[in-house]
Amino acid sequence: MTILGRLLLLLVGVPLLELFILLRVGQAVGVWPTVGLVVVTGLVGMALARMEGLRTLWSLRAALARGYPPGPALLDGFAILAGGALLFTPGLITDLLGFSCLLPWTRRRLLRWARRGVERRLKTGAIHVTHFTGYPGESRIGFEGQARGQWEGSGEWGQGRLDPRDEIVIEPRDPEET
């Protein structure tokens, strides 16, 4: 399925499914309890998003203060932002997915699943990664299609010190290029 087809399915299929589920729940428990459920999940989600967002902000600041790359905190922040946006959208499926992005134990699993997908796409060449250093007089194109980054001092992703003069560019690979 093409990207446009997936986007169309997402933008049309998900709201229709949400509407169907809300109508079924409304028939089963009544209109006002269904509206109350949607409002309560939105309010609880906003409070949880705020709490997790502040916790992630503190983690980000601590990593930057120590001179470490803030990759895990940035990914958590992105997942929290996505979870908050999903909870703002009325519906029960989006609320379930939004809460799974906000709760730390399910967020870690979702991010691990997403990381594996990116690693798989890097290995197959669907994503192209280029590393440019910013040192004067030196232009170096680094790795292509590798799934893990490595900084001075450690072999683990997100550990060690990152030189702020380095720039990493990740872009989709053009399928006609290969």
N, C-alpha and C. Protein backbone atom coordinates (compact mmCIF):
# COMPACT_ATOMS: atom_id res chain seq x y z
N MET A 1 0.84 -1.17 0.00
CA MET A 1 0.00 0.00 0.00
C MET A 1 0.89 1.24 0.00
N THR A 2 0.54 2.22 -0.78
CA THR A 2 1.33 3.44 -0.89
C THR A 2 1.13 4.33 0.34
N ILE A 3 1.98 5.31 0.47
CA ILE A 3 1.86 6.24 1.60
C ILE A 3 0.56 7.02 1.52
N LEU A 4 0.17 7.42 0.33
CA LEU A 4 -1.08 8.16 0.15
C LEU A 4 -2.28 7.28 0.55
N GLY A 5 -2.24 6.01 0.19
CA GLY A 5 -3.31 5.10 0.58
C GLY A 5 -3.39 4.91 2.08
N ARG A 6 -2.24 4.81 2.73
CA ARG A 6 -2.22 4.67 4.19
C ARG A 6 -2.74 5.93 4.86
N LEU A 7 -2.36 7.08 4.33
CA LEU A 7 -2.82 8.34 4.89
C LEU A 7 -4.33 8.48 4.73
N LEU A 8 -4.85 8.10 3.58
CA LEU A 8 -6.29 8.15 3.35
C LEU A 8 -7.03 7.21 4.30
N LEU A 9 -6.48 6.02 4.48
CA LEU A 9 -7.08 5.06 5.41
C LEU A 9 -7.07 5.62 6.83
N LEU A 10 -5.99 6.26 7.20
CA LEU A 10 -5.87 6.84 8.54
C LEU A 10 -6.85 7.99 8.73
N LEU A 11 -6.94 8.88 7.76
CA LEU A 11 -7.78 10.07 7.90
C LEU A 11 -9.27 9.80 7.73
N VAL A 12 -9.63 8.73 7.03
CA VAL A 12 -11.04 8.42 6.83
C VAL A 12 -11.47 7.22 7.68
N GLY A 13 -10.65 6.20 7.70
CA GLY A 13 -11.03 4.96 8.39
C GLY A 13 -11.09 5.09 9.90
N VAL A 14 -10.11 5.75 10.50
CA VAL A 14 -10.09 5.86 11.96
C VAL A 14 -11.27 6.67 12.49
N PRO A 15 -11.58 7.86 11.93
CA PRO A 15 -12.77 8.57 12.43
C PRO A 15 -14.07 7.79 12.26
N LEU A 16 -14.21 7.05 11.15
CA LEU A 16 -15.42 6.25 10.97
C LEU A 16 -15.50 5.14 12.02
N LEU A 17 -14.39 4.49 12.29
CA LEU A 17 -14.36 3.45 13.32
C LEU A 17 -14.65 4.04 14.70
N GLU A 18 -14.07 5.21 14.99
CA GLU A 18 -14.34 5.89 16.27
C GLU A 18 -15.82 6.22 16.40
N LEU A 19 -16.42 6.74 15.34
CA LEU A 19 -17.84 7.08 15.37
C LEU A 19 -18.70 5.84 15.60
N PHE A 20 -18.36 4.75 14.92
CA PHE A 20 -19.10 3.50 15.10
C PHE A 20 -19.03 3.03 16.55
N ILE A 21 -17.83 3.05 17.13
CA ILE A 21 -17.66 2.59 18.51
C ILE A 21 -18.40 3.51 19.49
N LEU A 22 -18.29 4.83 19.27
CA LEU A 22 -19.00 5.76 20.16
C LEU A 22 -20.51 5.56 20.08
N LEU A 23 -21.03 5.31 18.88
CA LEU A 23 -22.47 5.05 18.74
C LEU A 23 -22.88 3.77 19.47
N ARG A 24 -22.06 2.73 19.36
CA ARG A 24 -22.37 1.46 20.04
C ARG A 24 -22.33 1.63 21.56
N VAL A 25 -21.31 2.34 22.04
CA VAL A 25 -21.21 2.57 23.49
C VAL A 25 -22.38 3.43 23.94
N GLY A 26 -22.74 4.45 23.14
CA GLY A 26 -23.88 5.30 23.47
C GLY A 26 -25.18 4.52 23.54
N GLN A 27 -25.36 3.54 22.66
CA GLN A 27 -26.56 2.70 22.70
C GLN A 27 -26.57 1.81 23.93
N ALA A 28 -25.37 1.36 24.34
CA ALA A 28 -25.29 0.43 25.46
C ALA A 28 -25.46 1.13 26.81
N VAL A 29 -24.82 2.27 27.01
CA VAL A 29 -24.83 2.91 28.33
C VAL A 29 -25.56 4.24 28.34
N GLY A 30 -25.88 4.79 27.20
CA GLY A 30 -26.58 6.07 27.14
C GLY A 30 -25.67 7.17 26.59
N VAL A 31 -26.32 8.26 26.19
CA VAL A 31 -25.58 9.36 25.56
C VAL A 31 -24.71 10.10 26.56
N TRP A 32 -25.31 10.51 27.70
CA TRP A 32 -24.55 11.32 28.64
C TRP A 32 -23.39 10.57 29.30
N PRO A 33 -23.54 9.31 29.67
CA PRO A 33 -22.36 8.60 30.17
C PRO A 33 -21.24 8.48 29.13
N THR A 34 -21.61 8.35 27.86
CA THR A 34 -20.60 8.26 26.80
C THR A 34 -19.88 9.60 26.66
N VAL A 35 -20.64 10.70 26.67
CA VAL A 35 -20.02 12.03 26.59
C VAL A 35 -19.14 12.25 27.82
N GLY A 36 -19.64 11.85 28.98
CA GLY A 36 -18.84 11.97 30.21
C GLY A 36 -17.55 11.18 30.14
N LEU A 37 -17.62 9.98 29.58
CA LEU A 37 -16.42 9.15 29.43
C LEU A 37 -15.38 9.84 28.55
N VAL A 38 -15.82 10.40 27.45
CA VAL A 38 -14.90 11.09 26.55
C VAL A 38 -14.28 12.31 27.23
N VAL A 39 -15.10 13.08 27.98
CA VAL A 39 -14.59 14.28 28.66
C VAL A 39 -13.62 13.89 29.77
N VAL A 40 -13.97 12.88 30.57
CA VAL A 40 -13.11 12.47 31.68
C VAL A 40 -11.78 11.93 31.17
N THR A 41 -11.80 11.12 30.11
CA THR A 41 -10.52 10.62 29.58
C THR A 41 -9.67 11.76 29.06
N GLY A 42 -10.30 12.80 28.49
CA GLY A 42 -9.55 13.95 28.02
C GLY A 42 -8.90 14.71 29.17
N LEU A 43 -9.66 14.93 30.27
CA LEU A 43 -9.12 15.66 31.42
C LEU A 43 -8.02 14.88 32.12
N VAL A 44 -8.25 13.59 32.33
CA VAL A 44 -7.21 12.75 32.96
C VAL A 44 -5.97 12.69 32.07
N GLY A 45 -6.19 12.60 30.78
CA GLY A 45 -5.08 12.57 29.84
C GLY A 45 -4.27 13.85 29.85
N MET A 46 -4.95 15.01 29.95
CA MET A 46 -4.23 16.28 30.01
C MET A 46 -3.35 16.35 31.26
N ALA A 47 -3.89 15.91 32.40
CA ALA A 47 -3.11 15.93 33.63
C ALA A 47 -1.91 14.98 33.54
N LEU A 48 -2.13 13.80 33.00
CA LEU A 48 -1.05 12.84 32.85
C LEU A 48 0.00 13.33 31.85
N ALA A 49 -0.44 13.94 30.77
CA ALA A 49 0.50 14.48 29.78
C ALA A 49 1.34 15.59 30.40
N ARG A 50 0.75 16.43 31.20
CA ARG A 50 1.49 17.50 31.86
C ARG A 50 2.54 16.92 32.80
N MET A 51 2.14 15.95 33.62
CA MET A 51 3.06 15.35 34.59
C MET A 51 4.22 14.64 33.88
N GLU A 52 3.91 13.82 32.88
CA GLU A 52 4.96 13.10 32.15
C GLU A 52 5.82 14.05 31.33
N GLY A 53 5.21 15.11 30.79
CA GLY A 53 5.98 16.10 30.04
C GLY A 53 6.99 16.82 30.92
N LEU A 54 6.58 17.20 32.13
CA LEU A 54 7.53 17.84 33.06
C LEU A 54 8.63 16.89 33.46
N ARG A 55 8.30 15.62 33.70
CA ARG A 55 9.31 14.63 34.06
C ARG A 55 10.32 14.46 32.92
N THR A 56 9.83 14.44 31.70
CA THR A 56 10.72 14.32 30.54
C THR A 56 11.56 15.57 30.36
N LEU A 57 11.00 16.73 30.61
CA LEU A 57 11.76 17.98 30.52
C LEU A 57 12.90 17.99 31.52
N TRP A 58 12.66 17.50 32.74
CA TRP A 58 13.73 17.43 33.73
C TRP A 58 14.81 16.45 33.29
N SER A 59 14.40 15.35 32.72
CA SER A 59 15.37 14.36 32.21
C SER A 59 16.20 14.95 31.07
N LEU A 60 15.55 15.70 30.20
CA LEU A 60 16.24 16.35 29.09
C LEU A 60 17.26 17.36 29.60
N ARG A 61 16.85 18.18 30.54
CA ARG A 61 17.76 19.18 31.10
C ARG A 61 18.94 18.52 31.81
N ALA A 62 18.70 17.43 32.51
CA ALA A 62 19.78 16.73 33.21
C ALA A 62 20.78 16.15 32.22
N ALA A 63 20.29 15.56 31.13
CA ALA A 63 21.19 14.99 30.12
C ALA A 63 22.02 16.09 29.47
N LEU A 64 21.41 17.21 29.14
CA LEU A 64 22.14 18.31 28.53
C LEU A 64 23.15 18.92 29.50
N ALA A 65 22.80 19.00 30.78
CA ALA A 65 23.72 19.55 31.78
C ALA A 65 24.96 18.67 31.94
N ARG A 66 24.81 17.37 31.78
CA ARG A 66 25.94 16.45 31.87
C ARG A 66 26.71 16.34 30.57
N GLY A 67 26.17 16.92 29.50
CA GLY A 67 26.85 16.87 28.20
C GLY A 67 26.54 15.62 27.40
N TYR A 68 25.48 14.92 27.78
CA TYR A 68 25.09 13.71 27.06
C TYR A 68 24.04 14.04 26.02
N PRO A 69 23.97 13.26 24.95
CA PRO A 69 22.91 13.49 23.97
C PRO A 69 21.54 13.16 24.56
N PRO A 70 20.55 13.99 24.32
CA PRO A 70 19.25 13.81 24.97
C PRO A 70 18.29 12.94 24.17
N GLY A 71 18.79 12.00 23.38
CA GLY A 71 17.96 11.20 22.50
C GLY A 71 16.77 10.52 23.17
N PRO A 72 16.98 9.74 24.25
CA PRO A 72 15.83 9.07 24.88
C PRO A 72 14.79 10.05 25.41
N ALA A 73 15.23 11.16 25.99
CA ALA A 73 14.28 12.14 26.51
C ALA A 73 13.51 12.80 25.38
N LEU A 74 14.17 13.05 24.26
CA LEU A 74 13.47 13.65 23.11
C LEU A 74 12.42 12.69 22.55
N LEU A 75 12.77 11.41 22.47
CA LEU A 75 11.80 10.42 22.00
C LEU A 75 10.62 10.31 22.95
N ASP A 76 10.89 10.33 24.26
CA ASP A 76 9.80 10.33 25.23
C ASP A 76 8.92 11.56 25.05
N GLY A 77 9.54 12.71 24.85
CA GLY A 77 8.78 13.94 24.65
C GLY A 77 7.90 13.88 23.42
N PHE A 78 8.43 13.31 22.34
CA PHE A 78 7.63 13.17 21.13
C PHE A 78 6.45 12.24 21.37
N ALA A 79 6.68 11.13 22.07
CA ALA A 79 5.60 10.18 22.36
C ALA A 79 4.55 10.82 23.26
N ILE A 80 4.98 11.63 24.22
CA ILE A 80 4.04 12.30 25.12
C ILE A 80 3.21 13.33 24.35
N LEU A 81 3.86 14.06 23.45
CA LEU A 81 3.13 15.02 22.62
C LEU A 81 2.09 14.31 21.75
N ALA A 82 2.49 13.20 21.14
CA ALA A 82 1.55 12.43 20.31
C ALA A 82 0.41 11.87 21.16
N GLY A 83 0.73 11.38 22.36
CA GLY A 83 -0.31 10.86 23.25
C GLY A 83 -1.29 11.94 23.67
N GLY A 84 -0.79 13.14 23.98
CA GLY A 84 -1.67 14.24 24.33
C GLY A 84 -2.58 14.63 23.19
N ALA A 85 -2.03 14.65 21.97
CA ALA A 85 -2.84 14.98 20.80
C ALA A 85 -3.91 13.92 20.56
N LEU A 86 -3.56 12.65 20.76
CA LEU A 86 -4.55 11.59 20.58
C LEU A 86 -5.65 11.66 21.63
N LEU A 87 -5.30 12.05 22.85
CA LEU A 87 -6.32 12.18 23.89
C LEU A 87 -7.21 13.40 23.67
N PHE A 88 -6.70 14.40 22.98
CA PHE A 88 -7.50 15.58 22.67
C PHE A 88 -8.55 15.26 21.61
N THR A 89 -8.27 14.24 20.78
CA THR A 89 -9.21 13.81 19.75
C THR A 89 -10.29 12.96 20.40
N PRO A 90 -11.57 13.29 20.19
CA PRO A 90 -12.62 12.48 20.82
C PRO A 90 -12.70 11.08 20.19
N GLY A 91 -12.80 10.10 21.04
CA GLY A 91 -12.91 8.72 20.59
C GLY A 91 -12.25 7.79 21.59
N LEU A 92 -12.64 6.55 21.56
CA LEU A 92 -12.12 5.59 22.53
C LEU A 92 -10.85 4.91 22.05
N ILE A 93 -10.72 4.66 20.76
CA ILE A 93 -9.51 4.04 20.23
C ILE A 93 -8.32 5.00 20.36
N THR A 94 -8.56 6.26 19.99
CA THR A 94 -7.48 7.25 20.11
C THR A 94 -7.12 7.49 21.57
N ASP A 95 -8.12 7.41 22.47
CA ASP A 95 -7.83 7.56 23.90
C ASP A 95 -6.96 6.40 24.39
N LEU A 96 -7.27 5.20 23.97
CA LEU A 96 -6.47 4.04 24.36
C LEU A 96 -5.03 4.17 23.87
N LEU A 97 -4.87 4.55 22.61
CA LEU A 97 -3.52 4.74 22.06
C LEU A 97 -2.82 5.91 22.73
N GLY A 98 -3.57 6.99 23.02
CA GLY A 98 -2.99 8.15 23.70
C GLY A 98 -2.49 7.80 25.10
N PHE A 99 -3.29 7.06 25.86
CA PHE A 99 -2.84 6.64 27.19
C PHE A 99 -1.63 5.72 27.10
N SER A 100 -1.57 4.88 26.08
CA SER A 100 -0.41 3.99 25.95
C SER A 100 0.85 4.79 25.62
N CYS A 101 0.71 5.96 24.99
CA CYS A 101 1.87 6.82 24.74
C CYS A 101 2.27 7.59 26.00
N LEU A 102 1.36 7.78 26.93
CA LEU A 102 1.65 8.58 28.13
C LEU A 102 2.17 7.74 29.29
N LEU A 103 1.70 6.53 29.42
CA LEU A 103 2.16 5.69 30.54
C LEU A 103 3.57 5.19 30.26
N PRO A 104 4.48 5.36 31.22
CA PRO A 104 5.90 5.05 30.95
C PRO A 104 6.17 3.62 30.49
N TRP A 105 5.53 2.62 31.10
CA TRP A 105 5.85 1.24 30.73
C TRP A 105 5.34 0.89 29.34
N THR A 106 4.20 1.41 28.94
CA THR A 106 3.73 1.13 27.58
C THR A 106 4.43 2.02 26.56
N ARG A 107 4.82 3.24 26.97
CA ARG A 107 5.56 4.13 26.07
C ARG A 107 6.91 3.52 25.70
N ARG A 108 7.58 2.91 26.68
CA ARG A 108 8.87 2.26 26.39
C ARG A 108 8.70 1.13 25.38
N ARG A 109 7.63 0.36 25.51
CA ARG A 109 7.38 -0.72 24.54
C ARG A 109 7.08 -0.19 23.16
N LEU A 110 6.27 0.88 23.09
CA LEU A 110 5.97 1.49 21.78
C LEU A 110 7.22 2.06 21.13
N LEU A 111 8.06 2.72 21.92
CA LEU A 111 9.29 3.29 21.36
C LEU A 111 10.26 2.19 20.94
N ARG A 112 10.31 1.09 21.68
CA ARG A 112 11.16 -0.04 21.30
C ARG A 112 10.67 -0.64 19.98
N TRP A 113 9.35 -0.76 19.83
CA TRP A 113 8.77 -1.27 18.59
C TRP A 113 9.08 -0.33 17.43
N ALA A 114 8.97 0.97 17.65
CA ALA A 114 9.27 1.95 16.60
C ALA A 114 10.76 1.91 16.24
N ARG A 115 11.63 1.78 17.25
CA ARG A 115 13.07 1.72 16.98
C ARG A 115 13.42 0.49 16.14
N ARG A 116 12.79 -0.64 16.45
CA ARG A 116 13.04 -1.85 15.65
C ARG A 116 12.60 -1.65 14.20
N GLY A 117 11.48 -0.96 14.01
CA GLY A 117 11.02 -0.68 12.65
C GLY A 117 11.99 0.21 11.89
N VAL A 118 12.53 1.23 12.57
CA VAL A 118 13.51 2.11 11.93
C VAL A 118 14.78 1.34 11.63
N GLU A 119 15.25 0.51 12.57
CA GLU A 119 16.44 -0.28 12.33
C GLU A 119 16.26 -1.21 11.14
N ARG A 120 15.08 -1.83 11.03
CA ARG A 120 14.80 -2.72 9.91
C ARG A 120 14.83 -1.95 8.60
N ARG A 121 14.24 -0.75 8.59
CA ARG A 121 14.24 0.07 7.36
C ARG A 121 15.64 0.56 7.02
N LEU A 122 16.48 0.79 8.04
CA LEU A 122 17.86 1.18 7.77
C LEU A 122 18.63 0.03 7.13
N LYS A 123 18.41 -1.17 7.65
CA LYS A 123 19.13 -2.34 7.11
C LYS A 123 18.72 -2.65 5.69
N THR A 124 17.44 -2.43 5.36
CA THR A 124 16.99 -2.72 4.00
C THR A 124 17.29 -1.58 3.04
N GLY A 125 17.72 -0.44 3.58
CA GLY A 125 18.05 0.68 2.71
C GLY A 125 16.88 1.59 2.42
N ALA A 126 15.76 1.41 3.12
CA ALA A 126 14.60 2.27 2.90
C ALA A 126 14.82 3.67 3.48
N ILE A 127 15.73 3.78 4.46
CA ILE A 127 16.09 5.07 5.04
C ILE A 127 17.58 5.27 4.82
N HIS A 128 17.96 6.47 4.46
CA HIS A 128 19.34 6.82 4.17
C HIS A 128 19.83 7.76 5.27
N VAL A 129 20.95 7.44 5.92
CA VAL A 129 21.52 8.27 6.99
C VAL A 129 22.88 8.76 6.54
N THR A 130 23.10 10.06 6.66
CA THR A 130 24.38 10.66 6.31
C THR A 130 24.87 11.47 7.49
N HIS A 131 26.15 11.38 7.78
CA HIS A 131 26.74 12.08 8.91
C HIS A 131 27.79 13.05 8.39
N PHE A 132 27.60 14.32 8.68
CA PHE A 132 28.54 15.34 8.28
C PHE A 132 29.18 15.92 9.53
N THR A 133 30.50 16.06 9.53
CA THR A 133 31.14 16.73 10.65
C THR A 133 31.26 18.20 10.33
N GLY A 134 31.27 19.02 11.36
CA GLY A 134 31.32 20.45 11.16
C GLY A 134 32.69 21.04 11.40
N TYR A 135 33.74 20.22 11.34
CA TYR A 135 35.07 20.74 11.60
C TYR A 135 35.55 21.54 10.40
N PRO A 136 36.23 22.68 10.64
CA PRO A 136 36.70 23.50 9.52
C PRO A 136 37.69 22.74 8.65
N GLY A 137 37.50 22.82 7.36
CA GLY A 137 38.42 22.19 6.42
C GLY A 137 38.23 20.71 6.26
N GLU A 138 37.30 20.13 6.97
CA GLU A 138 37.09 18.69 6.89
C GLU A 138 35.65 18.42 6.50
N SER A 139 35.47 17.67 5.46
CA SER A 139 34.14 17.27 5.03
C SER A 139 34.14 15.77 4.90
N ARG A 140 33.33 15.12 5.70
CA ARG A 140 33.35 13.67 5.72
C ARG A 140 31.91 13.17 5.69
N ILE A 141 31.61 12.30 4.75
CA ILE A 141 30.31 11.66 4.72
C ILE A 141 30.48 10.31 5.38
N GLY A 142 29.69 10.07 6.41
CA GLY A 142 29.92 8.90 7.23
C GLY A 142 29.10 7.70 6.83
N PHE A 143 28.41 7.14 7.78
CA PHE A 143 27.76 5.85 7.61
C PHE A 143 26.50 5.97 6.79
N GLU A 144 26.13 4.85 6.19
CA GLU A 144 24.90 4.79 5.41
C GLU A 144 24.20 3.49 5.75
N GLY A 145 22.98 3.58 6.25
CA GLY A 145 22.21 2.38 6.53
C GLY A 145 22.55 1.68 7.82
N GLN A 146 23.25 2.35 8.74
CA GLN A 146 23.54 1.72 10.02
C GLN A 146 22.44 2.07 11.01
N ALA A 147 22.13 1.14 11.88
CA ALA A 147 20.98 1.33 12.75
C ALA A 147 21.34 1.92 14.10
N ARG A 148 22.60 2.00 14.48
CA ARG A 148 22.96 2.51 15.80
C ARG A 148 24.00 3.61 15.66
N GLY A 149 23.85 4.61 16.50
CA GLY A 149 24.84 5.68 16.53
C GLY A 149 25.86 5.39 17.62
N GLN A 150 27.02 5.95 17.51
CA GLN A 150 28.03 5.73 18.52
C GLN A 150 28.80 7.02 18.73
N TRP A 151 28.87 7.47 19.97
CA TRP A 151 29.60 8.68 20.29
C TRP A 151 30.85 8.31 21.07
N GLU A 152 31.73 9.26 21.17
CA GLU A 152 32.99 9.07 21.89
C GLU A 152 32.68 8.66 23.32
N GLY A 153 33.28 7.58 23.75
CA GLY A 153 33.14 7.17 25.14
C GLY A 153 32.22 5.99 25.36
N SER A 154 31.42 5.62 24.38
CA SER A 154 30.50 4.52 24.61
C SER A 154 30.02 3.95 23.30
N GLY A 155 29.62 2.69 23.32
CA GLY A 155 29.07 2.06 22.14
C GLY A 155 27.56 2.00 22.17
N GLU A 156 26.93 2.56 23.21
CA GLU A 156 25.48 2.51 23.34
C GLU A 156 24.85 3.75 22.75
N TRP A 157 23.67 3.59 22.18
CA TRP A 157 22.91 4.71 21.65
C TRP A 157 22.50 5.61 22.82
N GLY A 158 22.78 6.89 22.68
CA GLY A 158 22.38 7.84 23.70
C GLY A 158 23.34 7.96 24.85
N GLN A 159 24.48 7.31 24.80
CA GLN A 159 25.47 7.41 25.86
C GLN A 159 26.73 8.07 25.29
N GLY A 160 27.57 8.56 26.15
CA GLY A 160 28.79 9.23 25.69
C GLY A 160 28.53 10.68 25.38
N ARG A 161 29.56 11.39 24.95
CA ARG A 161 29.42 12.82 24.68
C ARG A 161 29.25 13.05 23.19
N LEU A 162 28.36 13.97 22.86
CA LEU A 162 28.08 14.34 21.47
C LEU A 162 28.74 15.68 21.20
N ASP A 163 29.53 15.74 20.14
CA ASP A 163 30.14 16.99 19.75
C ASP A 163 29.08 17.86 19.09
N PRO A 164 28.82 19.07 19.60
CA PRO A 164 27.75 19.90 19.03
C PRO A 164 28.03 20.36 17.61
N ARG A 165 29.26 20.19 17.13
CA ARG A 165 29.57 20.59 15.76
C ARG A 165 29.18 19.52 14.76
N ASP A 166 28.81 18.34 15.21
CA ASP A 166 28.39 17.27 14.32
C ASP A 166 26.92 17.44 13.96
N GLU A 167 26.58 17.03 12.76
CA GLU A 167 25.20 17.08 12.30
C GLU A 167 24.85 15.73 11.72
N ILE A 168 23.72 15.19 12.12
CA ILE A 168 23.26 13.92 11.59
C ILE A 168 21.97 14.17 10.83
N VAL A 169 21.91 13.72 9.61
CA VAL A 169 20.75 13.91 8.76
C VAL A 169 20.16 12.54 8.46
N ILE A 170 18.87 12.37 8.73
CA ILE A 170 18.19 11.11 8.42
C ILE A 170 17.09 11.46 7.43
N GLU A 171 17.11 10.82 6.29
CA GLU A 171 16.12 11.11 5.26
C GLU A 171 15.69 9.82 4.58
N PRO A 172 14.47 9.78 4.07
CA PRO A 172 14.02 8.59 3.35
C PRO A 172 14.81 8.43 2.06
N ARG A 173 15.13 7.20 1.73
CA ARG A 173 15.87 6.92 0.51
C ARG A 173 14.90 6.86 -0.65
N ASP A 174 15.30 7.44 -1.77
CA ASP A 174 14.50 7.40 -2.98
C ASP A 174 14.59 6.00 -3.55
N PRO A 175 13.45 5.27 -3.71
CA PRO A 175 13.51 3.88 -4.20
C PRO A 175 14.05 3.77 -5.63
N GLU A 176 13.94 4.82 -6.42
CA GLU A 176 14.44 4.78 -7.79
C GLU A 176 15.95 4.97 -7.84
N GLU A 177 16.54 5.41 -6.71
CA GLU A 177 17.98 5.67 -6.66
C GLU A 177 18.79 4.38 -6.66
N THR A 178 18.23 3.31 -6.09
CA THR A 178 18.98 2.06 -5.97
C THR A 178 18.71 1.12 -7.10
